[in-house]
C-alpha atoms as a PDB file:
ATOM      1  CA  MET A   1       0.000   0.000   0.000  1.00  0.00           C
ATOM      2  CA  PRO A   2       1.917   3.075  -1.183  1.00  0.00           C
ATOM      3  CA  LEU A   3       2.164   6.314   0.750  1.00  0.00           C
ATOM      4  CA  ALA A   4       0.593   9.322  -0.925  1.00  0.00           C
ATOM      5  CA  SER A   5       3.455  11.716  -0.209  1.00  0.00           C
ATOM      6  CA  GLN A   6       4.865  14.568  -2.231  1.00  0.00           C
ATOM      7  CA  GLN A   7       8.253  14.047  -0.553  1.00  0.00           C
ATOM      8  CA  PHE A   8      10.596  11.565  -2.196  1.00  0.00           C
ATOM      9  CA  GLU A   9      13.568  12.010   0.134  1.00  0.00           C
ATOM     10  CA  SER A  10      13.751  10.133   3.396  1.00  0.00           C
ATOM     11  CA  LYS A  11      12.877  12.302   6.387  1.00  0.00           C
ATOM     12  CA  ASP A  12      12.490  11.799  10.108  1.00  0.00           C
ATOM     13  CA  VAL A  13       8.867  11.396  11.148  1.00  0.00           C
ATOM     14  CA  LYS A  14       7.536  11.784  14.664  1.00  0.00           C
ATOM     15  CA  VAL A  15       5.106   8.878  15.129  1.00  0.00           C
ATOM     16  CA  GLN A  16       2.651   8.754  18.029  1.00  0.00           C
ATOM     17  CA  LEU A  17       1.236   5.258  18.560  1.00  0.00           C
ATOM     18  CA  LEU A  18      -2.249   5.026  20.082  1.00  0.00           C
ATOM     19  CA  LEU A  19      -2.827   1.647  21.750  1.00  0.00           C
ATOM     20  CA  THR A  20      -5.758   0.021  23.496  1.00  0.00           C
ATOM     21  CA  GLY A  21      -6.186   0.895  27.146  1.00  0.00           C
ATOM     22  CA  GLY A  22      -5.339   4.558  26.505  1.00  0.00           C
ATOM     23  CA  TYR A  23      -1.583   3.969  26.160  1.00  0.00           C
ATOM     24  CA  GLN A  24       0.481   6.276  23.931  1.00  0.00           C
ATOM     25  CA  TYR A  25       4.100   6.053  22.805  1.00  0.00           C
ATOM     26  CA  THR A  26       6.144   8.361  20.590  1.00  0.00           C
ATOM     27  CA  VAL A  27       8.872   7.032  18.302  1.00  0.00           C
ATOM     28  CA  TYR A  28      10.870   8.526  15.442  1.00  0.00           C
ATOM     29  CA  LEU A  29      11.048   6.674  12.135  1.00  0.00           C
ATOM     30  CA  LYS A  30      12.229   7.424   8.614  1.00  0.00           C
ATOM     31  CA  SER A  31       9.467   8.305   6.165  1.00  0.00           C
ATOM     32  CA  ASP A  32      10.530   5.399   3.922  1.00  0.00           C
ATOM     33  CA  SER A  33      10.838   2.936   6.808  1.00  0.00           C
ATOM     34  CA  PRO A  34       9.143  -0.418   6.161  1.00  0.00           C
ATOM     35  CA  LEU A  35       8.087  -0.398   9.804  1.00  0.00           C
ATOM     36  CA  LEU A  36       6.240   2.899   9.357  1.00  0.00           C
ATOM     37  CA  HIS A  37       4.544   1.499   6.269  1.00  0.00           C
ATOM     38  CA  SER A  38       3.502  -1.591   8.234  1.00  0.00           C
ATOM     39  CA  LEU A  39       1.990   0.541  11.000  1.00  0.00           C
ATOM     40  CA  LEU A  40      -0.010   2.592   8.526  1.00  0.00           C
ATOM     41  CA  ARG A  41      -1.109  -0.501   6.610  1.00  0.00           C
ATOM     42  CA  LYS A  42      -2.354  -1.989   9.860  1.00  0.00           C
ATOM     43  CA  ILE A  43      -4.603   1.017  10.513  1.00  0.00           C
ATOM     44  CA  VAL A  44      -6.137   0.758   7.042  1.00  0.00           C
ATOM     45  CA  ALA A  45      -6.551  -3.008   7.405  1.00  0.00           C
ATOM     46  CA  ARG A  46      -8.428  -2.524  10.694  1.00  0.00           C
ATOM     47  CA  ALA A  47     -10.746   0.004   9.052  1.00  0.00           C
ATOM     48  CA  TYR A  48     -11.600  -2.468   6.321  1.00  0.00           C
ATOM     49  CA  LYS A  49     -11.366  -5.606   8.459  1.00  0.00           C
ATOM     50  CA  GLN A  50      -8.489  -6.998   6.362  1.00  0.00           C
ATOM     51  CA  ASP A  51      -5.758  -7.719   8.876  1.00  0.00           C
ATOM     52  CA  SER A  52      -5.257 -11.461   8.416  1.00  0.00           C
ATOM     53  CA  ASP A  53      -2.015 -11.054   6.459  1.00  0.00           C
ATOM     54  CA  LEU A  54      -0.337  -8.395   8.563  1.00  0.00           C
ATOM     55  CA  GLU A  55       2.197  -8.605  11.392  1.00  0.00           C
ATOM     56  CA  ASN A  56       1.000 -10.234  14.601  1.00  0.00           C
ATOM     57  CA  LEU A  57       3.646  -8.507  16.744  1.00  0.00           C
ATOM     58  CA  PHE A  58       5.363  -5.125  16.455  1.00  0.00           C
ATOM     59  CA  GLN A  59       8.834  -4.739  18.010  1.00  0.00           C
ATOM     60  CA  ILE A  60      10.058  -1.148  17.878  1.00  0.00           C
ATOM     61  CA  PRO A  61      13.433  -0.008  19.326  1.00  0.00           C
ATOM     62  CA  ILE A  62      13.139   3.009  21.653  1.00  0.00           C
ATOM     63  CA  ASN A  63      15.480   4.990  23.944  1.00  0.00           C
ATOM     64  CA  GLU A  64      18.238   4.993  21.318  1.00  0.00           C
ATOM     65  CA  GLY A  65      18.052   1.241  20.996  1.00  0.00           C
ATOM     66  CA  HIS A  66      18.460   0.535  24.720  1.00  0.00           C
ATOM     67  CA  SER A  67      14.828  -0.638  24.994  1.00  0.00           C
ATOM     68  CA  VAL A  68      12.225  -2.188  22.743  1.00  0.00           C
ATOM     69  CA  LEU A  69       8.477  -1.542  22.611  1.00  0.00           C
ATOM     70  CA  CYS A  70       6.543  -4.765  21.870  1.00  0.00           C
ATOM     71  CA  PHE A  71       2.802  -5.002  21.373  1.00  0.00           C
ATOM     72  CA  PRO A  72       0.345  -7.245  19.487  1.00  0.00           C
ATOM     73  CA  SER A  73      -0.796  -5.685  16.228  1.00  0.00           C
ATOM     74  CA  GLU A  74      -4.475  -5.855  17.261  1.00  0.00           C
ATOM     75  CA  HIS A  75      -3.722  -3.358  20.063  1.00  0.00           C
ATOM     76  CA  LEU A  76      -2.847  -0.612  17.568  1.00  0.00           C
ATOM     77  CA  ILE A  77      -5.819   1.734  17.150  1.00  0.00           C
ATOM     78  CA  GLY A  78      -4.229   4.875  15.728  1.00  0.00           C
ATOM     79  CA  VAL A  79      -1.056   6.470  14.355  1.00  0.00           C
ATOM     80  CA  VAL A  80      -0.294  10.218  14.465  1.00  0.00           C
ATOM     81  CA  THR A  81       2.488  11.357  12.112  1.00  0.00           C
ATOM     82  CA  GLU A  82       4.346  14.691  12.088  1.00  0.00           C
ATOM     83  CA  PRO A  83       4.832  15.848   9.367  1.00  0.00           C
ATOM     84  CA  PRO A  84       1.611  14.299   8.011  1.00  0.00           C
ATOM     85  CA  ILE A  85       1.843  11.164   5.901  1.00  0.00           C
ATOM     86  CA  PHE A  86      -1.224  10.136   3.959  1.00  0.00           C
ATOM     87  CA  ILE A  87      -2.056   6.640   2.750  1.00  0.00           C
ATOM     88  CA  GLN A  88      -3.026   6.082  -0.840  1.00  0.00           C
ATOM     89  CA  GLN A  89      -5.813   3.496  -0.858  1.00  0.00           C
ATOM     90  CA  SER A  90      -5.152   0.578  -3.121  1.00  0.00           C
ATOM     91  CA  GLU A  91      -7.567  -0.370  -5.854  1.00  0.00           C
ATOM     92  CA  ASN A  92      -8.780  -3.524  -4.127  1.00  0.00           C
ATOM     93  CA  ILE A  93      -9.840  -1.522  -1.057  1.00  0.00           C
ATOM     94  CA  GLN A  94     -11.654   1.084  -3.130  1.00  0.00           C
ATOM     95  CA  LEU A  95     -13.605  -1.715  -4.776  1.00  0.00           C
ATOM     96  CA  GLN A  96     -14.991  -2.653  -1.395  1.00  0.00           C
ATOM     97  CA  ASN A  97     -17.393   0.298  -1.667  1.00  0.00           C
ATOM     98  CA  ASN A  98     -19.627  -2.220  -3.448  1.00  0.00           C
ATOM     99  CA  TYR A  99     -19.120  -4.956  -0.857  1.00  0.00           C
ATOM    100  CA  ILE A 100     -21.911  -5.838   1.583  1.00  0.00           C
ATOM    101  CA  GLU A 101     -20.918  -7.370   4.908  1.00  0.00           C
ATOM    102  CA  ALA A 102     -23.581  -9.659   6.314  1.00  0.00           C
ATOM    103  CA  SER A 103     -24.276  -9.184  10.008  1.00  0.00           C
ATOM    104  CA  ASP A 104     -23.864 -12.136  12.330  1.00  0.00           C
ATOM    105  CA  TYR A 105     -24.980 -12.877  15.861  1.00  0.00           C
ATOM    106  CA  ILE A 106     -25.115 -15.622  18.491  1.00  0.00           C
ATOM    107  CA  HIS A 107     -28.427 -16.324  20.287  1.00  0.00           C
ATOM    108  CA  ILE A 108     -28.371 -18.616  23.345  1.00  0.00           C
ATOM    109  CA  ASP A 109     -31.370 -19.889  25.306  1.00  0.00           C
ATOM    110  CA  ASN A 110     -31.646 -20.658  29.051  1.00  0.00           C
ATOM    111  CA  PHE A 111     -28.986 -18.142  30.078  1.00  0.00           C
ATOM    112  CA  LEU A 112     -30.084 -18.124  33.727  1.00  0.00           C
ATOM    113  CA  THR A 113     -31.322 -21.032  35.796  1.00  0.00           C
ATOM    114  CA  PRO A 114     -35.088 -21.050  36.470  1.00  0.00           C
ATOM    115  CA  GLU A 115     -34.445 -19.958  40.070  1.00  0.00           C
ATOM    116  CA  GLU A 116     -32.135 -17.086  38.996  1.00  0.00           C
ATOM    117  CA  HIS A 117     -34.693 -15.987  36.409  1.00  0.00           C
ATOM    118  CA  LYS A 118     -37.465 -15.983  39.031  1.00  0.00           C
ATOM    119  CA  ARG A 119     -35.384 -13.980  41.515  1.00  0.00           C
ATOM    120  CA  LEU A 120     -34.416 -11.436  38.835  1.00  0.00           C
ATOM    121  CA  LEU A 121     -38.041 -10.813  37.864  1.00  0.00           C
ATOM    122  CA  LYS A 122     -39.020 -10.339  41.513  1.00  0.00           C
ATOM    123  CA  TYR A 123     -36.104  -7.943  42.018  1.00  0.00           C
ATOM    124  CA  VAL A 124     -36.994  -5.832  38.958  1.00  0.00           C
ATOM    125  CA  LEU A 125     -40.636  -5.441  39.935  1.00  0.00           C
ATOM    126  CA  GLU A 126     -39.587  -4.281  43.405  1.00  0.00           C
ATOM    127  CA  LYS A 127     -37.249  -1.684  41.814  1.00  0.00           C
ATOM    128  CA  GLU A 128     -39.887  -0.118  39.533  1.00  0.00           C
ATOM    129  CA  SER A 129     -39.637   3.309  41.204  1.00  0.00           C
ATOM    130  CA  ASP A 130     -35.847   3.427  40.612  1.00  0.00           C
ATOM    131  CA  PHE A 131     -36.072   3.221  36.818  1.00  0.00           C
ATOM    132  CA  LEU A 132     -35.316   6.425  34.897  1.00  0.00           C
ATOM    133  CA  PRO A 133     -36.225   7.555  31.356  1.00  0.00           C
ATOM    134  CA  SER A 134     -33.500   6.522  28.904  1.00  0.00           C
ATOM    135  CA  ASN A 135     -31.537   9.004  26.823  1.00  0.00           C
ATOM    136  CA  THR A 136     -28.906   9.127  24.082  1.00  0.00           C
ATOM    137  CA  SER A 137     -25.590  10.942  23.748  1.00  0.00           C
ATOM    138  CA  THR A 138     -27.360  13.514  21.529  1.00  0.00           C
ATOM    139  CA  ASN A 139     -30.240  13.906  24.020  1.00  0.00           C
ATOM    140  CA  ASP A 140     -32.728  13.330  21.195  1.00  0.00           C
ATOM    141  CA  ILE A 141     -35.985  12.482  22.983  1.00  0.00           C
ATOM    142  CA  ASN A 142     -37.516  11.025  19.825  1.00  0.00           C
ATOM    143  CA  TYR A 143     -34.729   8.536  19.155  1.00  0.00           C
ATOM    144  CA  ARG A 144     -35.096   6.215  22.109  1.00  0.00           C
ATOM    145  CA  GLN A 145     -37.931   5.561  24.526  1.00  0.00           C
ATOM    146  CA  SER A 146     -37.605   3.160  27.461  1.00  0.00           C
ATOM    147  CA  LEU A 147     -36.848   3.051  31.179  1.00  0.00           C
ATOM    148  CA  VAL A 148     -33.377   2.234  32.525  1.00  0.00           C
ATOM    149  CA  LEU A 149     -31.890   1.083  35.825  1.00  0.00           C
ATOM    150  CA  TYR A 150     -28.163   1.799  35.794  1.00  0.00           C
ATOM    151  CA  SER A 151     -27.215   0.213  39.113  1.00  0.00           C
ATOM    152  CA  PHE A 152     -28.364  -3.258  40.163  1.00  0.00           C
ATOM    153  CA  PRO A 153     -25.390  -4.757  42.057  1.00  0.00           C
ATOM    154  CA  GLU A 154     -27.516  -7.581  43.436  1.00  0.00           C
ATOM    155  CA  PHE A 155     -27.567  -9.139  39.948  1.00  0.00           C
ATOM    156  CA  SER A 156     -25.000  -7.369  37.763  1.00  0.00           C
ATOM    157  CA  GLU A 157     -22.070  -9.349  39.215  1.00  0.00           C
ATOM    158  CA  LEU A 158     -23.832 -12.657  38.497  1.00  0.00           C
ATOM    159  CA  ILE A 159     -24.620 -11.615  34.920  1.00  0.00           C
ATOM    160  CA  LEU A 160     -21.144 -10.258  34.171  1.00  0.00           C
ATOM    161  CA  LYS A 161     -19.393 -13.383  35.484  1.00  0.00           C
ATOM    162  CA  LYS A 162     -21.541 -15.574  33.259  1.00  0.00           C
ATOM    163  CA  ILE A 163     -20.893 -13.337  30.245  1.00  0.00           C
ATOM    164  CA  GLN A 164     -17.136 -13.184  30.832  1.00  0.00           C
ATOM    165  CA  ALA A 165     -16.953 -16.964  30.911  1.00  0.00           C
ATOM    166  CA  MET A 166     -18.745 -17.142  27.553  1.00  0.00           C
ATOM    167  CA  ILE A 167     -16.676 -14.531  25.684  1.00  0.00           C
ATOM    168  CA  PRO A 168     -13.921 -16.845  24.311  1.00  0.00           C
ATOM    169  CA  ASP A 169     -16.561 -19.111  22.745  1.00  0.00           C
ATOM    170  CA  ILE A 170     -18.537 -16.129  21.404  1.00  0.00           C
ATOM    171  CA  ILE A 171     -15.401 -14.639  19.805  1.00  0.00           C
ATOM    172  CA  SER A 172     -14.645 -17.981  18.181  1.00  0.00           C
ATOM    173  CA  LYS A 173     -18.167 -18.448  16.827  1.00  0.00           C
ATOM    174  CA  LEU A 174     -18.305 -14.891  15.463  1.00  0.00           C
ATOM    175  CA  ASN A 175     -14.889 -15.495  13.853  1.00  0.00           C
ATOM    176  CA  ILE A 176     -13.336 -12.259  15.111  1.00  0.00           C
ATOM    177  CA  PRO A 177      -9.784 -11.701  16.440  1.00  0.00           C
ATOM    178  CA  SER A 178      -9.315 -12.377  20.142  1.00  0.00           C
ATOM    179  CA  PHE A 179      -8.909  -9.321  22.380  1.00  0.00           C
ATOM    180  CA  SER A 180      -8.215  -8.537  26.020  1.00  0.00           C
ATOM    181  CA  ILE A 181     -11.304  -7.442  27.960  1.00  0.00           C
ATOM    182  CA  SER A 182     -10.885  -4.136  29.797  1.00  0.00           C
ATOM    183  CA  GLN A 183     -14.496  -3.747  30.966  1.00  0.00           C
ATOM    184  CA  ILE A 184     -17.979  -5.230  30.657  1.00  0.00           C
ATOM    185  CA  GLU A 185     -20.750  -2.655  31.008  1.00  0.00           C
ATOM    186  CA  SER A 186     -24.353  -3.373  31.902  1.00  0.00           C
ATOM    187  CA  GLN A 187     -27.708  -1.678  32.348  1.00  0.00           C
ATOM    188  CA  LEU A 188     -31.226  -2.944  32.977  1.00  0.00           C
ATOM    189  CA  THR A 189     -33.907  -1.730  30.563  1.00  0.00           C
ATOM    190  CA  ALA A 190     -37.695  -1.929  30.453  1.00  0.00           C
ATOM    191  CA  HIS A 191     -39.592  -1.453  27.188  1.00  0.00           C
ATOM    192  CA  ASN A 192     -43.322  -0.896  27.599  1.00  0.00           C
ATOM    193  CA  HIS A 193     -46.134   0.199  25.260  1.00  0.00           C
ATOM    194  CA  GLY A 194     -44.828   2.261  22.323  1.00  0.00           C
ATOM    195  CA  ASN A 195     -41.160   2.104  23.421  1.00  0.00           C
ATOM    196  CA  TYR A 196     -38.425   1.672  20.800  1.00  0.00           C
ATOM    197  CA  TYR A 197     -34.823   2.489  19.846  1.00  0.00           C
ATOM    198  CA  LYS A 198     -34.117   3.759  16.311  1.00  0.00           C
ATOM    199  CA  VAL A 199     -31.180   2.685  14.126  1.00  0.00           C
ATOM    200  CA  HIS A 200     -27.811   3.179  15.834  1.00  0.00           C
ATOM    201  CA  ASN A 201     -24.528   1.477  16.610  1.00  0.00           C
ATOM    202  CA  ASP A 202     -22.842   1.152  19.996  1.00  0.00           C
ATOM    203  CA  ASN A 203     -19.287   2.333  19.330  1.00  0.00           C
ATOM    204  CA  GLY A 204     -19.658   5.366  17.099  1.00  0.00           C
ATOM    205  CA  SER A 205     -18.326   8.031  19.479  1.00  0.00           C
ATOM    206  CA  PRO A 206     -14.881   8.617  21.054  1.00  0.00           C
ATOM    207  CA  ASP A 207     -16.009   7.440  24.500  1.00  0.00           C
ATOM    208  CA  THR A 208     -17.537   4.234  23.113  1.00  0.00           C
ATOM    209  CA  ALA A 209     -14.905   3.388  20.468  1.00  0.00           C
ATOM    210  CA  THR A 210     -13.439   0.472  22.453  1.00  0.00           C
ATOM    211  CA  ARG A 211     -16.724  -1.443  22.596  1.00  0.00           C
ATOM    212  CA  GLU A 212     -16.243  -4.654  20.619  1.00  0.00           C
ATOM    213  CA  LEU A 213     -19.278  -6.775  21.502  1.00  0.00           C
ATOM    214  CA  THR A 214     -22.861  -5.905  22.410  1.00  0.00           C
ATOM    215  CA  TYR A 215     -25.042  -8.296  24.393  1.00  0.00           C
ATOM    216  CA  VAL A 216     -28.763  -8.282  25.194  1.00  0.00           C
ATOM    217  CA  TYR A 217     -30.351 -10.626  27.729  1.00  0.00           C
ATOM    218  CA  TYR A 218     -34.169 -10.891  27.439  1.00  0.00           C
ATOM    219  CA  PHE A 219     -36.502 -11.743  30.305  1.00  0.00           C
ATOM    220  CA  TYR A 220     -40.174 -11.186  31.125  1.00  0.00           C
ATOM    221  CA  GLN A 221     -43.154 -12.683  32.901  1.00  0.00           C
ATOM    222  CA  GLU A 222     -45.066 -15.611  31.470  1.00  0.00           C
ATOM    223  CA  PRO A 223     -47.546 -15.638  29.912  1.00  0.00           C
ATOM    224  CA  LYS A 224     -46.048 -12.971  27.663  1.00  0.00           C
ATOM    225  CA  SER A 225     -48.129  -9.775  27.740  1.00  0.00           C
ATOM    226  CA  PHE A 226     -46.508  -7.801  24.912  1.00  0.00           C
ATOM    227  CA  SER A 227     -45.699  -8.155  21.238  1.00  0.00           C
ATOM    228  CA  GLY A 228     -43.089  -6.504  19.027  1.00  0.00           C
ATOM    229  CA  GLY A 229     -39.768  -5.359  20.407  1.00  0.00           C
ATOM    230  CA  GLU A 230     -37.738  -7.418  17.937  1.00  0.00           C
ATOM    231  CA  LEU A 231     -34.066  -6.533  17.464  1.00  0.00           C
ATOM    232  CA  LEU A 232     -33.045  -5.814  13.862  1.00  0.00           C
ATOM    233  CA  ILE A 233     -29.316  -6.162  13.112  1.00  0.00           C
ATOM    234  CA  TYR A 234     -28.496  -4.593   9.743  1.00  0.00           C
ATOM    235  CA  ASP A 235     -25.995  -5.766   7.171  1.00  0.00           C
ATOM    236  CA  SER A 236     -23.303  -3.176   6.402  1.00  0.00           C
ATOM    237  CA  LYS A 237     -21.617  -1.652   3.390  1.00  0.00           C
ATOM    238  CA  ILE A 238     -18.869   0.916   2.824  1.00  0.00           C
ATOM    239  CA  GLU A 239     -20.129   4.170   1.359  1.00  0.00           C
ATOM    240  CA  ASN A 240     -17.694   7.075   0.996  1.00  0.00           C
ATOM    241  CA  ASN A 241     -15.314   5.176   3.306  1.00  0.00           C
ATOM    242  CA  ILE A 242     -17.952   4.996   6.079  1.00  0.00           C
ATOM    243  CA  TYR A 243     -19.836   1.940   7.304  1.00  0.00           C
ATOM    244  CA  VAL A 244     -23.578   2.383   6.718  1.00  0.00           C
ATOM    245  CA  ASN A 245     -26.518   0.008   6.996  1.00  0.00           C
ATOM    246  CA  THR A 246     -28.107  -1.681   4.009  1.00  0.00           C
ATOM    247  CA  GLU A 247     -31.791  -2.484   3.576  1.00  0.00           C
ATOM    248  CA  THR A 248     -31.177  -6.107   4.589  1.00  0.00           C
ATOM    249  CA  PHE A 249     -31.101  -7.250   8.204  1.00  0.00           C
ATOM    250  CA  LYS A 250     -31.403 -10.153  10.638  1.00  0.00           C
ATOM    251  CA  THR A 251     -34.383 -10.295  13.019  1.00  0.00           C
ATOM    252  CA  VAL A 252     -33.820 -11.434  16.601  1.00  0.00           C
ATOM    253  CA  GLU A 253     -36.910 -12.485  18.556  1.00  0.00           C
ATOM    254  CA  PRO A 254     -36.813 -11.473  22.246  1.00  0.00           C
ATOM    255  CA  ARG A 255     -37.098 -14.999  23.618  1.00  0.00           C
ATOM    256  CA  ASN A 256     -37.531 -15.244  27.368  1.00  0.00           C
ATOM    257  CA  ASN A 257     -34.319 -16.071  29.289  1.00  0.00           C
ATOM    258  CA  SER A 258     -32.127 -15.860  26.176  1.00  0.00           C
ATOM    259  CA  ILE A 259     -29.065 -13.752  25.389  1.00  0.00           C
ATOM    260  CA  VAL A 260     -27.774 -12.441  22.046  1.00  0.00           C
ATOM    261  CA  PHE A 261     -24.244 -11.275  21.158  1.00  0.00           C
ATOM    262  CA  PHE A 262     -23.182  -9.230  18.096  1.00  0.00           C
ATOM    263  CA  LEU A 263     -20.476  -6.747  17.035  1.00  0.00           C
ATOM    264  CA  SER A 264     -20.970  -3.288  18.538  1.00  0.00           C
ATOM    265  CA  ARG A 265     -20.242  -1.598  15.212  1.00  0.00           C
ATOM    266  CA  TYR A 266     -23.285  -3.187  13.575  1.00  0.00           C
ATOM    267  CA  LEU A 267     -26.186  -0.810  13.063  1.00  0.00           C
ATOM    268  CA  HIS A 268     -29.295  -2.100  14.818  1.00  0.00           C
ATOM    269  CA  GLU A 269     -32.667  -1.008  16.183  1.00  0.00           C
ATOM    270  CA  VAL A 270     -35.447  -2.119  18.533  1.00  0.00           C
ATOM    271  CA  LEU A 271     -38.895  -2.173  16.977  1.00  0.00           C
ATOM    272  CA  PRO A 272     -41.807  -0.613  18.922  1.00  0.00           C
ATOM    273  CA  VAL A 273     -43.323  -2.691  21.711  1.00  0.00           C
ATOM    274  CA  ASN A 274     -47.076  -3.243  21.940  1.00  0.00           C
ATOM    275  CA  CYS A 275     -48.122  -3.774  25.572  1.00  0.00           C
ATOM    276  CA  PRO A 276     -51.914  -3.281  25.883  1.00  0.00           C
ATOM    277  CA  SER A 277     -51.975  -3.281  29.697  1.00  0.00           C
ATOM    278  CA  GLN A 278     -49.169  -0.668  29.883  1.00  0.00           C
ATOM    279  CA  ALA A 279     -48.356  -2.197  33.279  1.00  0.00           C
ATOM    280  CA  PHE A 280     -44.680  -2.159  34.250  1.00  0.00           C
ATOM    281  CA  LYS A 281     -44.789  -5.846  35.226  1.00  0.00           C
ATOM    282  CA  ASP A 282     -45.771  -6.755  31.642  1.00  0.00           C
ATOM    283  CA  SER A 283     -42.734  -5.017  30.070  1.00  0.00           C
ATOM    284  CA  ARG A 284     -40.086  -6.475  27.812  1.00  0.00           C
ATOM    285  CA  PHE A 285     -37.072  -6.463  30.166  1.00  0.00           C
ATOM    286  CA  THR A 286     -33.419  -6.684  29.160  1.00  0.00           C
ATOM    287  CA  ILE A 287     -30.008  -6.582  30.717  1.00  0.00           C
ATOM    288  CA  ASN A 288     -27.865  -5.142  27.956  1.00  0.00           C
ATOM    289  CA  GLY A 289     -24.339  -3.881  27.722  1.00  0.00           C
ATOM    290  CA  TRP A 290     -20.982  -3.936  26.001  1.00  0.00           C
ATOM    291  CA  VAL A 291     -17.669  -5.767  26.162  1.00  0.00           C
ATOM    292  CA  ARG A 292     -14.740  -3.361  25.785  1.00  0.00           C
ATOM    293  CA  ARG A 293     -11.236  -4.224  24.577  1.00  0.00           C
END
């Protein structure tokens, strides 16, 4: 992948490496250094999900060669160069503007034991007064409607331990590169009559960029007293170098006591819920959250 540079002579370049976990390192490389090219190629490959043929480990001398900085290639999330060096996209990457990436997900039944499920429902109904109206980062009141409980320590630890134990298998089944987990977030949500969440993704802002996996655990009282509330996970395509949703999607039914996992970058939405009684106890409940690298 050639560099789109007007400079043909070799020059020193200040390179700031941005790694997962908020780590930053500054090194100095020549503008024609193969190592610099590899770093830049890695960033492009991550953007287009084409990193199978790149280096698995970077080893960069620092401190005038007295030390070496080693890190797995999947931990590289950004490169800042001074003076600026731009990457000329190769033809095969530009052709991907016509490529549609099918969404994928894992849906697992019987996530909690019957006794755990019963205790969770009882707990939620007792906490009805603690639920708050949901919001979005843009504070758009017409984009998402539901009630949220952000703190539920009596059950969050149980849920997160179960999820953490499942992650290696989920990563394998979704066929994505393994990553180190820095955090698993969770919130408890209630969708009642007319509630919904319009099309969005879960890692599209700087403070959410490290979210790799989204999970949604569904639970509710039987017999079921609502309809709707399906999760739509859209297929993706590259349009003007940006991932956007297509008109095709997968539909996930909110089965009681089941959990679904999918990539946080996938665009998805929650269809409106129809709950004739409008009673809180008849809501479509979820524990949902994100696994961060």
